[in-house]
PDB file of N, CA and C in Angstrom:
ATOM      1  N   MET A   1     -16.619  20.848  59.183  1.00  0.00           N
ATOM      2  CA  MET A   1     -15.362  20.684  59.817  1.00  0.00           C
ATOM      3  C   MET A   1     -14.996  19.366  59.838  1.00  0.00           C
ATOM      4  N   THR A   2     -13.603  19.473  59.098  1.00  0.00           N
ATOM      5  CA  THR A   2     -13.113  18.048  59.304  1.00  0.00           C
ATOM      6  C   THR A   2     -11.661  18.193  60.338  1.00  0.00           C
ATOM      7  N   GLN A   3     -11.566  16.976  60.679  1.00  0.00           N
ATOM      8  CA  GLN A   3      -9.976  17.104  61.398  1.00  0.00           C
ATOM      9  C   GLN A   3      -9.166  16.123  61.044  1.00  0.00           C
ATOM     10  N   GLN A   4      -8.010  16.224  60.730  1.00  0.00           N
ATOM     11  CA  GLN A   4      -6.872  15.156  60.790  1.00  0.00           C
ATOM     12  C   GLN A   4      -6.664  14.014  61.912  1.00  0.00           C
ATOM     13  N   ILE A   5      -6.331  13.064  61.779  1.00  0.00           N
ATOM     14  CA  ILE A   5      -6.465  11.969  62.935  1.00  0.00           C
ATOM     15  C   ILE A   5      -5.054  11.034  62.611  1.00  0.00           C
ATOM     16  N   ALA A   6      -3.958  10.662  63.615  1.00  0.00           N
ATOM     17  CA  ALA A   6      -3.445   9.906  63.270  1.00  0.00           C
ATOM     18  C   ALA A   6      -3.818   8.464  63.304  1.00  0.00           C
ATOM     19  N   VAL A   7      -3.718   7.497  62.301  1.00  0.00           N
ATOM     20  CA  VAL A   7      -3.958   5.858  62.871  1.00  0.00           C
ATOM     21  C   VAL A   7      -3.190   5.025  62.195  1.00  0.00           C
ATOM     22  N   LYS A   8      -2.537   4.307  63.026  1.00  0.00           N
ATOM     23  CA  LYS A   8      -1.713   2.906  62.765  1.00  0.00           C
ATOM     24  C   LYS A   8      -2.398   1.989  62.119  1.00  0.00           C
ATOM     25  N   LEU A   9      -2.080   1.156  61.311  1.00  0.00           N
ATOM     26  CA  LEU A   9      -2.738   0.040  60.601  1.00  0.00           C
ATOM     27  C   LEU A   9      -1.561  -1.191  60.385  1.00  0.00           C
ATOM     28  N   PRO A  10      -2.088  -2.349  60.689  1.00  0.00           N
ATOM     29  CA  PRO A  10      -1.104  -3.097  60.225  1.00  0.00           C
ATOM     30  C   PRO A  10      -0.911  -3.278  58.978  1.00  0.00           C
ATOM     31  N   ASP A  11      -0.019  -3.609  58.392  1.00  0.00           N
ATOM     32  CA  ASP A  11       0.746  -3.898  57.041  1.00  0.00           C
ATOM     33  C   ASP A  11      -0.640  -4.745  56.129  1.00  0.00           C
ATOM     34  N   HIS A  12      -1.404  -5.657  56.601  1.00  0.00           N
ATOM     35  CA  HIS A  12      -2.346  -6.233  56.242  1.00  0.00           C
ATOM     36  C   HIS A  12      -3.338  -5.723  55.173  1.00  0.00           C
ATOM     37  N   LEU A  13      -3.790  -4.551  56.321  1.00  0.00           N
ATOM     38  CA  LEU A  13      -4.685  -3.849  56.337  1.00  0.00           C
ATOM     39  C   LEU A  13      -4.833  -2.570  55.361  1.00  0.00           C
ATOM     40  N   LEU A  14      -3.243  -1.686  55.516  1.00  0.00           N
ATOM     41  CA  LEU A  14      -2.975  -0.918  54.609  1.00  0.00           C
ATOM     42  C   LEU A  14      -2.643  -1.688  53.147  1.00  0.00           C
ATOM     43  N   LYS A  15      -2.186  -2.744  53.050  1.00  0.00           N
ATOM     44  CA  LYS A  15      -2.004  -3.149  51.499  1.00  0.00           C
ATOM     45  C   LYS A  15      -3.660  -3.324  51.104  1.00  0.00           C
ATOM     46  N   ALA A  16      -4.614  -3.643  51.887  1.00  0.00           N
ATOM     47  CA  ALA A  16      -5.809  -4.291  51.465  1.00  0.00           C
ATOM     48  C   ALA A  16      -6.628  -3.064  50.962  1.00  0.00           C
ATOM     49  N   ILE A  17      -6.060  -1.987  51.561  1.00  0.00           N
ATOM     50  CA  ILE A  17      -6.594   0.029  51.212  1.00  0.00           C
ATOM     51  C   ILE A  17      -6.397  -0.010  50.014  1.00  0.00           C
ATOM     52  N   ASP A  18      -4.830  -0.408  50.021  1.00  0.00           N
ATOM     53  CA  ASP A  18      -4.306   0.441  48.817  1.00  0.00           C
ATOM     54  C   ASP A  18      -4.576  -0.558  47.635  1.00  0.00           C
ATOM     55  N   ASP A  19      -4.916  -1.706  47.466  1.00  0.00           N
ATOM     56  CA  ASP A  19      -5.612  -2.791  46.756  1.00  0.00           C
ATOM     57  C   ASP A  19      -6.728  -2.032  46.010  1.00  0.00           C
ATOM     58  N   LEU A  20      -7.746  -1.554  47.115  1.00  0.00           N
ATOM     59  CA  LEU A  20      -8.894  -0.829  46.751  1.00  0.00           C
ATOM     60  C   LEU A  20      -8.743   0.525  46.196  1.00  0.00           C
ATOM     61  N   VAL A  21      -7.776   1.573  46.337  1.00  0.00           N
ATOM     62  CA  VAL A  21      -7.680   2.234  45.830  1.00  0.00           C
ATOM     63  C   VAL A  21      -6.912   2.234  44.650  1.00  0.00           C
ATOM     64  N   ASN A  22      -5.983   1.187  44.188  1.00  0.00           N
ATOM     65  CA  ASN A  22      -5.249   0.827  42.739  1.00  0.00           C
ATOM     66  C   ASN A  22      -6.642   0.006  41.984  1.00  0.00           C
ATOM     67  N   ALA A  23      -7.364  -0.188  42.477  1.00  0.00           N
ATOM     68  CA  ALA A  23      -8.572  -1.068  42.126  1.00  0.00           C
ATOM     69  C   ALA A  23      -9.611   0.273  41.426  1.00  0.00           C
ATOM     70  N   GLY A  24      -9.597   1.012  41.870  1.00  0.00           N
ATOM     71  CA  GLY A  24     -10.856   2.234  41.554  1.00  0.00           C
ATOM     72  C   GLY A  24     -11.795   2.536  42.365  1.00  0.00           C
ATOM     73  N   ARG A  25     -11.658   1.457  43.690  1.00  0.00           N
ATOM     74  CA  ARG A  25     -12.922   1.682  44.509  1.00  0.00           C
ATOM     75  C   ARG A  25     -13.464   2.881  44.859  1.00  0.00           C
ATOM     76  N   PHE A  26     -11.356   3.367  45.647  1.00  0.00           N
ATOM     77  CA  PHE A  26     -11.749   4.653  46.620  1.00  0.00           C
ATOM     78  C   PHE A  26     -10.787   5.676  45.679  1.00  0.00           C
ATOM     79  N   GLU A  27     -11.225   7.066  45.828  1.00  0.00           N
ATOM     80  CA  GLU A  27     -10.044   7.970  45.243  1.00  0.00           C
ATOM     81  C   GLU A  27      -8.280   7.697  46.043  1.00  0.00           C
ATOM     82  N   SER A  28      -8.839   7.761  47.205  1.00  0.00           N
ATOM     83  CA  SER A  28      -7.650   7.368  48.157  1.00  0.00           C
ATOM     84  C   SER A  28      -7.710   6.896  49.535  1.00  0.00           C
ATOM     85  N   ARG A  29      -6.829   6.830  49.995  1.00  0.00           N
ATOM     86  CA  ARG A  29      -6.712   5.764  51.197  1.00  0.00           C
ATOM     87  C   ARG A  29      -7.640   6.748  52.274  1.00  0.00           C
ATOM     88  N   SER A  30      -7.847   7.986  52.512  1.00  0.00           N
ATOM     89  CA  SER A  30      -8.576   8.748  53.243  1.00  0.00           C
ATOM     90  C   SER A  30      -9.934   8.520  53.071  1.00  0.00           C
ATOM     91  N   GLN A  31     -10.684   8.412  51.625  1.00  0.00           N
ATOM     92  CA  GLN A  31     -11.689   7.959  51.259  1.00  0.00           C
ATOM     93  C   GLN A  31     -12.277   6.952  51.765  1.00  0.00           C
ATOM     94  N   ALA A  32     -11.211   5.554  51.464  1.00  0.00           N
ATOM     95  CA  ALA A  32     -11.523   4.359  52.037  1.00  0.00           C
ATOM     96  C   ALA A  32     -11.401   4.330  53.799  1.00  0.00           C
ATOM     97  N   VAL A  33     -10.791   4.898  54.381  1.00  0.00           N
ATOM     98  CA  VAL A  33     -11.071   4.925  55.748  1.00  0.00           C
ATOM     99  C   VAL A  33     -12.467   5.649  55.988  1.00  0.00           C
ATOM    100  N   ARG A  34     -12.816   6.610  55.342  1.00  0.00           N
ATOM    101  CA  ARG A  34     -13.807   7.587  55.967  1.00  0.00           C
ATOM    102  C   ARG A  34     -15.237   6.330  55.598  1.00  0.00           C
ATOM    103  N   TYR A  35     -14.984   5.641  54.430  1.00  0.00           N
ATOM    104  CA  TYR A  35     -15.852   4.804  54.358  1.00  0.00           C
ATOM    105  C   TYR A  35     -16.250   3.632  55.040  1.00  0.00           C
ATOM    106  N   GLY A  36     -14.951   3.072  55.431  1.00  0.00           N
ATOM    107  CA  GLY A  36     -15.246   1.914  56.509  1.00  0.00           C
ATOM    108  C   GLY A  36     -15.531   2.439  57.915  1.00  0.00           C
ATOM    109  N   LEU A  37     -15.202   3.830  58.182  1.00  0.00           N
ATOM    110  CA  LEU A  37     -15.683   4.320  59.545  1.00  0.00           C
ATOM    111  C   LEU A  37     -17.179   4.890  59.741  1.00  0.00           C
ATOM    112  N   GLU A  38     -17.697   5.382  58.868  1.00  0.00           N
ATOM    113  CA  GLU A  38     -18.982   5.752  58.234  1.00  0.00           C
ATOM    114  C   GLU A  38     -19.994   4.418  58.334  1.00  0.00           C
ATOM    115  N   GLY A  39     -19.281   3.489  57.816  1.00  0.00           N
ATOM    116  CA  GLY A  39     -20.674   2.014  58.043  1.00  0.00           C
ATOM    117  C   GLY A  39     -20.120   1.521  59.410  1.00  0.00           C
ATOM    118  N   LEU A  40     -19.314   1.562  59.438  1.00  0.00           N
ATOM    119  CA  LEU A  40     -18.938   0.975  61.300  1.00  0.00           C
ATOM    120  C   LEU A  40     -19.947   1.945  62.361  1.00  0.00           C
ATOM    121  N   VAL A  41     -20.451   3.355  62.055  1.00  0.00           N
ATOM    122  CA  VAL A  41     -20.851   4.277  62.896  1.00  0.00           C
ATOM    123  C   VAL A  41     -22.569   3.584  62.644  1.00  0.00           C
ATOM    124  N   ARG A  42     -22.825   3.259  61.020  1.00  0.00           N
ATOM    125  CA  ARG A  42     -23.793   3.283  60.654  1.00  0.00           C
ATOM    126  C   ARG A  42     -24.815   1.811  61.275  1.00  0.00           C
ATOM    127  N   ALA A  43     -23.853   0.608  61.696  1.00  0.00           N
ATOM    128  CA  ALA A  43     -24.064  -0.400  61.823  1.00  0.00           C
ATOM    129  C   ALA A  43     -24.027  -0.172  63.602  1.00  0.00           C
ATOM    130  N   ASP A  44     -23.313   0.368  63.968  1.00  0.00           N
ATOM    131  CA  ASP A  44     -23.863   0.818  65.634  1.00  0.00           C
ATOM    132  C   ASP A  44     -24.943   1.550  65.931  1.00  0.00           C
ATOM    133  N   ASP A  45     -25.312   2.574  65.084  1.00  0.00           N
ATOM    134  CA  ASP A  45     -26.539   3.082  65.214  1.00  0.00           C
ATOM    135  C   ASP A  45     -28.076   2.292  65.009  1.00  0.00           C
ATOM    136  N   ARG A  46     -27.940   1.587  63.869  1.00  0.00           N
ATOM    137  CA  ARG A  46     -28.945   0.027  63.706  1.00  0.00           C
ATOM    138  C   ARG A  46     -29.125  -0.516  64.861  1.00  0.00           C
ATOM    139  N   ARG A  47     -27.691  -0.806  65.345  1.00  0.00           N
ATOM    140  CA  ARG A  47     -27.643  -1.931  66.830  1.00  0.00           C
ATOM    141  C   ARG A  47     -28.205  -0.948  67.778  1.00  0.00           C
ATOM    142  N   VAL A  48     -28.356   0.067  68.018  1.00  0.00           N
ATOM    143  CA  VAL A  48     -28.495   1.137  69.406  1.00  0.00           C
ATOM    144  C   VAL A  48     -30.040   0.543  69.118  1.00  0.00           C
ATOM    145  N   ILE A  49     -30.458   1.258  67.870  1.00  0.00           N
ATOM    146  CA  ILE A  49     -32.191   0.978  67.468  1.00  0.00           C
ATOM    147  C   ILE A  49     -32.396  -0.424  67.654  1.00  0.00           C
ATOM    148  N   ASP A  50     -31.823  -1.063  67.439  1.00  0.00           N
ATOM    149  CA  ASP A  50     -32.318  -2.595  67.362  1.00  0.00           C
ATOM    150  C   ASP A  50     -32.615  -2.938  68.682  1.00  0.00           C
ATOM    151  N   GLU A  51     -31.536  -2.492  69.670  1.00  0.00           N
ATOM    152  CA  GLU A  51     -31.715  -3.255  71.082  1.00  0.00           C
ATOM    153  C   GLU A  51     -32.607  -2.374  71.748  1.00  0.00           C
ATOM    154  N   ALA A  52     -33.194  -1.247  71.239  1.00  0.00           N
ATOM    155  CA  ALA A  52     -34.819  -0.147  71.769  1.00  0.00           C
ATOM    156  C   ALA A  52     -35.740  -0.947  71.598  1.00  0.00           C
ATOM    157  N   PHE A  53     -35.889  -1.236  70.457  1.00  0.00           N
ATOM    158  CA  PHE A  53     -36.927  -1.966  69.710  1.00  0.00           C
ATOM    159  C   PHE A  53     -37.289  -3.142  70.973  1.00  0.00           C
ATOM    160  N   ALA A  54     -36.366  -4.103  70.711  1.00  0.00           N
ATOM    161  CA  ALA A  54     -36.358  -5.331  71.753  1.00  0.00           C
ATOM    162  C   ALA A  54     -36.554  -4.935  72.927  1.00  0.00           C
ATOM    163  N   ARG A  55     -35.951  -3.694  73.315  1.00  0.00           N
ATOM    164  CA  ARG A  55     -36.616  -3.511  74.885  1.00  0.00           C
ATOM    165  C   ARG A  55     -37.697  -3.426  75.241  1.00  0.00           C
ATOM    166  N   GLY A  56     -38.454  -2.376  74.087  1.00  0.00           N
ATOM    167  CA  GLY A  56     -39.770  -2.076  74.194  1.00  0.00           C
ATOM    168  C   GLY A  56     -40.543  -3.152  74.125  1.00  0.00           C
ATOM    169  N   PHE A  57     -40.458  -4.030  72.836  1.00  0.00           N
ATOM    170  CA  PHE A  57     -41.222  -5.433  72.841  1.00  0.00           C
ATOM    171  C   PHE A  57     -41.021  -6.337  74.116  1.00  0.00           C
ATOM    172  N   THR A  58     -40.239  -6.359  74.746  1.00  0.00           N
ATOM    173  CA  THR A  58     -39.861  -6.767  76.073  1.00  0.00           C
ATOM    174  C   THR A  58     -40.853  -6.544  77.088  1.00  0.00           C
ATOM    175  N   ASP A  59     -40.432  -5.077  77.217  1.00  0.00           N
ATOM    176  CA  ASP A  59     -41.108  -4.324  78.232  1.00  0.00           C
ATOM    177  C   ASP A  59     -42.439  -4.187  78.280  1.00  0.00           C
ATOM    178  N   TYR A  60     -42.912  -4.303  77.182  1.00  0.00           N
ATOM    179  CA  TYR A  60     -44.500  -3.870  76.737  1.00  0.00           C
ATOM    180  C   TYR A  60     -44.993  -4.714  75.998  1.00  0.00           C
ATOM    181  N   PRO A  61     -45.070  -6.049  76.180  1.00  0.00           N
ATOM    182  CA  PRO A  61     -45.292  -7.156  75.124  1.00  0.00           C
ATOM    183  C   PRO A  61     -46.942  -6.974  74.802  1.00  0.00           C
ATOM    184  N   ASP A  62     -47.006  -7.577  73.447  1.00  0.00           N
ATOM    185  CA  ASP A  62     -48.343  -7.358  72.686  1.00  0.00           C
ATOM    186  C   ASP A  62     -49.602  -8.093  73.783  1.00  0.00           C
ATOM    187  N   THR A  63     -50.513  -7.514  74.076  1.00  0.00           N
ATOM    188  CA  THR A  63     -51.243  -8.522  74.630  1.00  0.00           C
ATOM    189  C   THR A  63     -52.483  -8.988  73.834  1.00  0.00           C
ATOM    190  N   PRO A  64     -53.135 -10.367  74.446  1.00  0.00           N
ATOM    191  CA  PRO A  64     -53.917 -11.291  73.345  1.00  0.00           C
ATOM    192  C   PRO A  64     -54.734 -10.337  73.037  1.00  0.00           C
ATOM    193  N   GLU A  65     -55.413  -9.412  73.288  1.00  0.00           N
ATOM    194  CA  GLU A  65     -56.113  -8.814  72.513  1.00  0.00           C
ATOM    195  C   GLU A  65     -55.621  -7.991  71.399  1.00  0.00           C
ATOM    196  N   GLU A  66     -54.644  -7.112  71.609  1.00  0.00           N
ATOM    197  CA  GLU A  66     -53.800  -6.877  70.141  1.00  0.00           C
ATOM    198  C   GLU A  66     -53.507  -7.666  69.142  1.00  0.00           C
ATOM    199  N   LEU A  67     -52.921  -9.017  69.792  1.00  0.00           N
ATOM    200  CA  LEU A  67     -52.771  -9.843  68.241  1.00  0.00           C
ATOM    201  C   LEU A  67     -53.927 -10.665  67.886  1.00  0.00           C
ATOM    202  N   ALA A  68     -55.034 -10.436  68.627  1.00  0.00           N
ATOM    203  CA  ALA A  68     -56.287 -10.880  68.450  1.00  0.00           C
ATOM    204  C   ALA A  68     -56.718  -9.829  67.054  1.00  0.00           C
ATOM    205  N   ASP A  69     -56.577  -8.891  67.733  1.00  0.00           N
ATOM    206  CA  ASP A  69     -57.049  -7.627  66.554  1.00  0.00           C
ATOM    207  C   ASP A  69     -55.903  -7.588  65.059  1.00  0.00           C
ATOM    208  N   ALA A  70     -54.420  -8.024  65.461  1.00  0.00           N
ATOM    209  CA  ALA A  70     -53.866  -7.697  64.510  1.00  0.00           C
ATOM    210  C   ALA A  70     -53.955  -8.632  62.969  1.00  0.00           C
ATOM    211  N   ARG A  71     -54.104 -10.145  63.801  1.00  0.00           N
ATOM    212  CA  ARG A  71     -54.456 -11.417  63.109  1.00  0.00           C
ATOM    213  C   ARG A  71     -55.706 -11.196  62.520  1.00  0.00           C
ATOM    214  N   ARG A  72     -57.083 -10.194  62.907  1.00  0.00           N
ATOM    215  CA  ARG A  72     -58.132 -10.078  62.306  1.00  0.00           C
ATOM    216  C   ARG A  72     -57.933  -9.098  60.718  1.00  0.00           C
ATOM    217  N   LEU A  73     -57.089  -8.004  61.337  1.00  0.00           N
ATOM    218  CA  LEU A  73     -57.117  -6.981  60.257  1.00  0.00           C
ATOM    219  C   LEU A  73     -55.905  -7.613  59.114  1.00  0.00           C
ATOM    220  N   ALA A  74     -55.660  -8.562  59.359  1.00  0.00           N
ATOM    221  CA  ALA A  74     -54.031  -8.952  58.495  1.00  0.00           C
ATOM    222  C   ALA A  74     -55.158  -9.953  57.527  1.00  0.00           C
ATOM    223  N   ILE A  75     -56.267 -10.625  58.063  1.00  0.00           N
ATOM    224  CA  ILE A  75     -56.990 -11.358  57.493  1.00  0.00           C
ATOM    225  C   ILE A  75     -57.646 -10.723  56.501  1.00  0.00           C
ATOM    226  N   LYS A  76     -58.553  -9.952  57.096  1.00  0.00           N
ATOM    227  CA  LYS A  76     -59.338  -8.762  56.582  1.00  0.00           C
ATOM    228  C   LYS A  76     -58.563  -7.979  55.264  1.00  0.00           C
ATOM    229  N   SER A  77     -57.067  -7.611  55.638  1.00  0.00           N
ATOM    230  CA  SER A  77     -56.635  -6.948  54.395  1.00  0.00           C
ATOM    231  C   SER A  77     -56.290  -7.593  53.403  1.00  0.00           C
ATOM    232  N   ILE A  78     -56.150  -9.026  53.533  1.00  0.00           N
ATOM    233  CA  ILE A  78     -55.499 -10.294  52.466  1.00  0.00           C
ATOM    234  C   ILE A  78     -56.974 -10.508  51.845  1.00  0.00           C
ATOM    235  N   ASP A  79     -58.188 -10.693  52.348  1.00  0.00           N
ATOM    236  CA  ASP A  79     -59.344 -10.968  51.842  1.00  0.00           C
ATOM    237  C   ASP A  79     -59.892  -9.551  50.877  1.00  0.00           C
ATOM    238  N   GLU A  80     -59.657  -8.645  50.960  1.00  0.00           N
ATOM    239  CA  GLU A  80     -59.767  -7.286  50.331  1.00  0.00           C
ATOM    240  C   GLU A  80     -59.065  -7.101  49.109  1.00  0.00           C
ATOM    241  N   GLU A  81     -57.659  -7.378  49.386  1.00  0.00           N
ATOM    242  CA  GLU A  81     -57.023  -7.573  48.334  1.00  0.00           C
ATOM    243  C   GLU A  81     -57.463  -8.236  46.569  1.00  0.00           C
ATOM    244  N   PRO A  82     -57.443  -7.229  45.867  1.00  0.00           N
ATOM    245  CA  PRO A  82     -58.152  -8.022  44.192  1.00  0.00           C
ATOM    246  C   PRO A  82     -56.617  -8.582  43.999  1.00  0.00           C
ATOM    247  N   TRP A  83     -56.925  -9.563  43.918  1.00  0.00           N
ATOM    248  CA  TRP A  83     -56.043 -10.956  43.627  1.00  0.00           C
ATOM    249  C   TRP A  83     -56.863 -11.448  42.130  1.00  0.00           C
ATOM    250  N   GLU A  84     -55.510 -11.590  41.428  1.00  0.00           N
ATOM    251  CA  GLU A  84     -56.096 -11.867  40.200  1.00  0.00           C
ATOM    252  C   GLU A  84     -55.395 -13.406  40.103  1.00  0.00           C
ATOM    253  N   LYS A  85     -56.898 -13.928  39.409  1.00  0.00           N
ATOM    254  CA  LYS A  85     -56.188 -15.158  39.194  1.00  0.00           C
ATOM    255  C   LYS A  85     -55.280 -15.746  38.261  1.00  0.00           C
ATOM    256  N   TRP A  86     -54.234 -16.907  38.748  1.00  0.00           N
ATOM    257  CA  TRP A  86     -53.358 -17.044  38.403  1.00  0.00           C
ATOM    258  C   TRP A  86     -53.093 -18.832  37.408  1.00  0.00           C
ATOM    259  N   TRP A  87     -54.398 -19.392  38.083  1.00  0.00           N
ATOM    260  CA  TRP A  87     -54.295 -20.516  37.478  1.00  0.00           C
ATOM    261  C   TRP A  87     -55.538 -20.473  36.326  1.00  0.00           C
TER     262      TRP A  87
END
């Protein structure tokens, strides 16, 4: 379902949207505004997820043992990689 809303925009922003429509970037003002709002919502969703990850790492930091295991496994995976000679 979609709903229509009224939005007031300053002249310079409306001109920029019209320029995008006239350039063929969007089919209409509505499409351009929807695109912008969808991007805003996606960016905020990513921000919320990033903050949750940061909180998790702060609340539950890696132990020295976990860091040592991660280093050991990283070195092991590099050592097991079938590298081709480039020299």
